[in-house]
Each structure stands twice: as C-alpha cells, then as structure tokens.
C-alpha cells in the first residue's frame, strides 16, 4: 500500500508540475497573441466588411478560450497539489 501511495504522490507531483508549466507557457503565448490581435484590430477594426468582423470575432473568442484554459490549468494544478497534500 505504501508503494502505491508513493507512486500516486509521484504521479500527482508530475501532473501538477506539467499543468503549471503548460499554464505559464500559455500565458507567454497569450501575451504575444494579444499584441498581434491588437495590431490586427488596429488595421481592420474600422472595416465594414463582414469577413473582417468575423476575423476580429474569432480572435476575441480565441483570446477568451486561451484565458479559460490558463485558469483551468491553474485550478487543476492547485487541486492536484491539495489532493496530494491530503494523502
């Protein structure tokens, strides 16, 4: 039983570390994405073409989804750590 518990703790630590690292990497990407999104919005934001508005909408949706993914990874890393600490 102690061996399985140790194995579980190791798996949880690896999982927590991976989730944290991936979240930080996504934060770095989100910063670059935001800069590029801002540039695109500045160039086509005033356009009345439907295709331009659709691109801006798609970029906004992607930004929101990236933000949600970062939050989800932070939550899973926190929960995994708390679970491991409770063992």
N, C-alpha and C. Protein backbone atom coordinates (compact mmCIF):
# COMPACT_ATOMS: atom_id res chain seq x y z
N UNK A 1 0.83 -1.20 0.00
CA UNK A 1 0.00 0.00 0.00
C UNK A 1 0.86 1.26 0.00
N UNK A 2 1.93 1.27 0.82
CA UNK A 2 2.81 2.44 0.87
C UNK A 2 3.46 2.68 -0.48
N UNK A 3 3.77 1.60 -1.19
CA UNK A 3 4.38 1.73 -2.51
C UNK A 3 3.42 2.39 -3.50
N UNK A 4 2.15 1.98 -3.44
CA UNK A 4 1.15 2.59 -4.32
C UNK A 4 0.92 4.05 -3.96
N UNK A 5 0.95 4.36 -2.68
CA UNK A 5 0.76 5.74 -2.23
C UNK A 5 1.91 6.61 -2.72
N UNK A 6 3.12 6.10 -2.62
CA UNK A 6 4.28 6.82 -3.12
C UNK A 6 4.21 7.03 -4.62
N UNK A 7 3.76 6.01 -5.32
CA UNK A 7 3.62 6.11 -6.77
C UNK A 7 2.56 7.16 -7.13
N UNK A 8 1.45 7.15 -6.40
CA UNK A 8 0.39 8.12 -6.64
C UNK A 8 0.90 9.54 -6.38
N UNK A 9 1.60 9.73 -5.29
CA UNK A 9 2.15 11.06 -4.99
C UNK A 9 3.08 11.53 -6.10
N UNK A 10 3.91 10.62 -6.61
CA UNK A 10 4.81 10.97 -7.71
C UNK A 10 4.05 11.36 -8.96
N UNK A 11 3.02 10.59 -9.28
CA UNK A 11 2.20 10.91 -10.46
C UNK A 11 1.51 12.26 -10.29
N UNK A 12 0.99 12.51 -9.10
CA UNK A 12 0.31 13.78 -8.84
C UNK A 12 1.29 14.95 -8.94
N UNK A 13 2.49 14.77 -8.42
CA UNK A 13 3.50 15.83 -8.50
C UNK A 13 3.87 16.12 -9.95
N UNK A 14 4.04 15.07 -10.74
CA UNK A 14 4.35 15.25 -12.17
C UNK A 14 3.22 15.96 -12.88
N UNK A 15 2.00 15.54 -12.58
CA UNK A 15 0.83 16.14 -13.22
C UNK A 15 0.71 17.61 -12.85
N UNK A 16 0.89 17.92 -11.57
CA UNK A 16 0.81 19.30 -11.10
C UNK A 16 1.88 20.15 -11.77
N UNK A 17 3.07 19.62 -11.85
CA UNK A 17 4.18 20.35 -12.49
C UNK A 17 3.89 20.60 -13.97
N UNK A 18 3.39 19.60 -14.67
CA UNK A 18 3.07 19.74 -16.09
C UNK A 18 1.96 20.77 -16.30
N UNK A 19 0.93 20.72 -15.47
CA UNK A 19 -0.18 21.67 -15.60
C UNK A 19 0.30 23.09 -15.34
N UNK A 20 1.13 23.26 -14.33
CA UNK A 20 1.66 24.59 -14.00
C UNK A 20 2.53 25.11 -15.14
N UNK A 21 3.43 24.27 -15.64
CA UNK A 21 4.33 24.68 -16.72
C UNK A 21 3.54 25.04 -17.97
N UNK A 22 2.56 24.22 -18.32
CA UNK A 22 1.76 24.48 -19.51
C UNK A 22 0.97 25.77 -19.37
N UNK A 23 0.43 26.01 -18.19
CA UNK A 23 -0.28 27.27 -17.94
C UNK A 23 0.62 28.48 -18.12
N UNK A 24 1.86 28.40 -17.62
CA UNK A 24 2.80 29.52 -17.77
C UNK A 24 3.18 29.71 -19.23
N UNK A 25 3.36 28.61 -19.96
CA UNK A 25 3.67 28.71 -21.38
C UNK A 25 2.52 29.35 -22.15
N UNK A 26 1.30 28.99 -21.78
CA UNK A 26 0.13 29.60 -22.42
C UNK A 26 0.02 31.08 -22.09
N UNK A 27 0.41 31.47 -20.87
CA UNK A 27 0.40 32.89 -20.52
C UNK A 27 1.37 33.67 -21.40
N UNK A 28 2.54 33.10 -21.65
CA UNK A 28 3.51 33.74 -22.53
C UNK A 28 2.93 33.88 -23.93
N UNK A 29 2.33 32.80 -24.42
CA UNK A 29 1.72 32.84 -25.76
C UNK A 29 0.58 33.86 -25.79
N UNK A 30 -0.23 33.91 -24.73
CA UNK A 30 -1.36 34.83 -24.70
C UNK A 30 -0.88 36.28 -24.79
N UNK A 31 0.23 36.60 -24.18
CA UNK A 31 0.77 37.96 -24.29
C UNK A 31 1.13 38.28 -25.74
N UNK A 32 1.80 37.34 -26.41
CA UNK A 32 2.14 37.57 -27.83
C UNK A 32 0.87 37.65 -28.68
N UNK A 33 -0.05 36.75 -28.41
CA UNK A 33 -1.33 36.72 -29.13
C UNK A 33 -2.03 38.07 -28.98
N UNK A 34 -2.06 38.60 -27.76
CA UNK A 34 -2.74 39.87 -27.51
C UNK A 34 -2.13 41.02 -28.30
N UNK A 35 -0.80 41.04 -28.36
CA UNK A 35 -0.12 42.08 -29.14
C UNK A 35 -0.50 41.96 -30.61
N UNK A 36 -0.43 40.75 -31.13
CA UNK A 36 -0.77 40.55 -32.54
C UNK A 36 -2.24 40.84 -32.81
N UNK A 37 -3.09 40.43 -31.89
CA UNK A 37 -4.52 40.71 -32.02
C UNK A 37 -4.76 42.22 -32.06
N UNK A 38 -4.09 42.95 -31.20
CA UNK A 38 -4.23 44.41 -31.17
C UNK A 38 -3.80 45.05 -32.48
N UNK A 39 -2.72 44.54 -33.04
CA UNK A 39 -2.25 45.08 -34.32
C UNK A 39 -3.26 44.82 -35.44
N UNK A 40 -3.80 43.62 -35.45
CA UNK A 40 -4.79 43.28 -36.47
C UNK A 40 -6.04 44.13 -36.29
N UNK A 41 -6.50 44.26 -35.04
CA UNK A 41 -7.67 45.09 -34.78
C UNK A 41 -7.45 46.53 -35.22
N UNK A 42 -6.23 47.04 -34.99
CA UNK A 42 -5.93 48.41 -35.39
C UNK A 42 -5.97 48.57 -36.91
N UNK A 43 -5.59 47.53 -37.61
CA UNK A 43 -5.54 47.61 -39.08
C UNK A 43 -6.90 47.43 -39.74
N UNK A 44 -7.74 46.56 -39.17
CA UNK A 44 -9.02 46.27 -39.84
C UNK A 44 -10.23 46.54 -38.96
N UNK A 45 -10.02 47.09 -37.78
CA UNK A 45 -11.11 47.27 -36.83
C UNK A 45 -12.24 48.16 -37.30
N UNK A 46 -11.95 49.14 -38.13
CA UNK A 46 -12.99 50.06 -38.59
C UNK A 46 -13.67 49.61 -39.86
N UNK A 47 -13.26 48.48 -40.38
CA UNK A 47 -13.81 47.99 -41.64
C UNK A 47 -15.26 47.56 -41.47
N UNK A 48 -16.03 47.73 -42.53
CA UNK A 48 -17.42 47.29 -42.51
C UNK A 48 -17.60 45.95 -43.21
N UNK A 49 -16.50 45.39 -43.69
CA UNK A 49 -16.60 44.09 -44.37
C UNK A 49 -16.91 43.00 -43.36
N UNK A 50 -17.81 42.14 -43.72
CA UNK A 50 -18.22 41.05 -42.84
C UNK A 50 -17.05 40.13 -42.50
N UNK A 51 -16.23 39.84 -43.48
CA UNK A 51 -15.11 38.93 -43.27
C UNK A 51 -14.13 39.50 -42.25
N UNK A 52 -13.95 40.81 -42.25
CA UNK A 52 -13.07 41.45 -41.26
C UNK A 52 -13.66 41.33 -39.86
N UNK A 53 -14.94 41.61 -39.74
CA UNK A 53 -15.62 41.49 -38.45
C UNK A 53 -15.58 40.06 -37.93
N UNK A 54 -15.71 39.09 -38.82
CA UNK A 54 -15.65 37.68 -38.42
C UNK A 54 -14.27 37.32 -37.90
N UNK A 55 -13.23 37.84 -38.53
CA UNK A 55 -11.87 37.56 -38.05
C UNK A 55 -11.66 38.16 -36.67
N UNK A 56 -12.10 39.39 -36.48
CA UNK A 56 -11.96 40.03 -35.16
C UNK A 56 -12.73 39.24 -34.11
N UNK A 57 -13.91 38.78 -34.44
CA UNK A 57 -14.71 37.98 -33.52
C UNK A 57 -14.01 36.65 -33.20
N UNK A 58 -13.44 36.02 -34.20
CA UNK A 58 -12.72 34.76 -33.99
C UNK A 58 -11.51 34.96 -33.09
N UNK A 59 -10.79 36.06 -33.30
CA UNK A 59 -9.64 36.36 -32.44
C UNK A 59 -10.07 36.60 -31.00
N UNK A 60 -11.18 37.30 -30.82
CA UNK A 60 -11.68 37.56 -29.47
C UNK A 60 -12.09 36.26 -28.78
N UNK A 61 -12.74 35.37 -29.52
CA UNK A 61 -13.13 34.07 -28.96
C UNK A 61 -11.90 33.26 -28.57
N UNK A 62 -10.90 33.26 -29.41
CA UNK A 62 -9.67 32.52 -29.12
C UNK A 62 -8.99 33.08 -27.87
N UNK A 63 -8.99 34.40 -27.74
CA UNK A 63 -8.40 35.03 -26.57
C UNK A 63 -9.11 34.58 -25.30
N UNK A 64 -10.44 34.58 -25.34
CA UNK A 64 -11.22 34.14 -24.18
C UNK A 64 -10.94 32.67 -23.85
N UNK A 65 -10.86 31.84 -24.88
CA UNK A 65 -10.62 30.41 -24.66
C UNK A 65 -9.22 30.16 -24.11
N UNK A 66 -8.25 30.90 -24.57
CA UNK A 66 -6.90 30.77 -24.01
C UNK A 66 -6.90 31.17 -22.54
N UNK A 67 -7.60 32.25 -22.22
CA UNK A 67 -7.69 32.70 -20.83
C UNK A 67 -8.35 31.63 -19.97
N UNK A 68 -9.41 31.03 -20.47
CA UNK A 68 -10.10 29.96 -19.72
C UNK A 68 -9.20 28.73 -19.55
N UNK A 69 -8.44 28.40 -20.58
CA UNK A 69 -7.52 27.25 -20.49
C UNK A 69 -6.47 27.49 -19.42
N UNK A 70 -5.94 28.70 -19.35
CA UNK A 70 -4.95 29.04 -18.32
C UNK A 70 -5.57 28.90 -16.94
N UNK A 71 -6.78 29.41 -16.77
CA UNK A 71 -7.45 29.32 -15.48
C UNK A 71 -7.72 27.86 -15.11
N UNK A 72 -8.13 27.06 -16.08
CA UNK A 72 -8.40 25.64 -15.82
C UNK A 72 -7.12 24.91 -15.40
N UNK A 73 -6.02 25.20 -16.06
CA UNK A 73 -4.75 24.56 -15.70
C UNK A 73 -4.30 24.99 -14.31
N UNK A 74 -4.49 26.26 -13.98
CA UNK A 74 -4.16 26.73 -12.63
C UNK A 74 -5.01 26.01 -11.59
N UNK A 75 -6.29 25.85 -11.89
CA UNK A 75 -7.20 25.17 -10.95
C UNK A 75 -6.83 23.71 -10.77
N UNK A 76 -6.52 23.03 -11.86
CA UNK A 76 -6.18 21.62 -11.75
C UNK A 76 -4.85 21.43 -11.02
N UNK A 77 -3.90 22.33 -11.24
CA UNK A 77 -2.63 22.24 -10.52
C UNK A 77 -2.85 22.45 -9.03
N UNK A 78 -3.67 23.42 -8.68
CA UNK A 78 -3.96 23.68 -7.27
C UNK A 78 -4.68 22.50 -6.63
N UNK A 79 -5.70 21.99 -7.31
CA UNK A 79 -6.47 20.86 -6.76
C UNK A 79 -5.61 19.60 -6.63
N UNK A 80 -4.75 19.38 -7.61
CA UNK A 80 -3.88 18.21 -7.57
C UNK A 80 -2.93 18.32 -6.38
N UNK A 81 -2.37 19.52 -6.17
CA UNK A 81 -1.48 19.72 -5.03
C UNK A 81 -2.19 19.54 -3.70
N UNK A 82 -3.39 20.08 -3.60
CA UNK A 82 -4.17 19.92 -2.36
C UNK A 82 -4.50 18.46 -2.10
N UNK A 83 -4.85 17.74 -3.14
CA UNK A 83 -5.15 16.32 -3.00
C UNK A 83 -3.92 15.56 -2.53
N UNK A 84 -2.79 15.84 -3.17
CA UNK A 84 -1.55 15.16 -2.79
C UNK A 84 -1.18 15.45 -1.35
N UNK A 85 -1.39 16.69 -0.92
CA UNK A 85 -1.09 17.07 0.47
C UNK A 85 -2.00 16.36 1.47
N UNK A 86 -3.18 15.97 1.01
CA UNK A 86 -4.14 15.32 1.92
C UNK A 86 -3.83 13.83 2.12
N UNK A 87 -2.95 13.29 1.30
CA UNK A 87 -2.64 11.86 1.40
C UNK A 87 -1.72 11.57 2.57
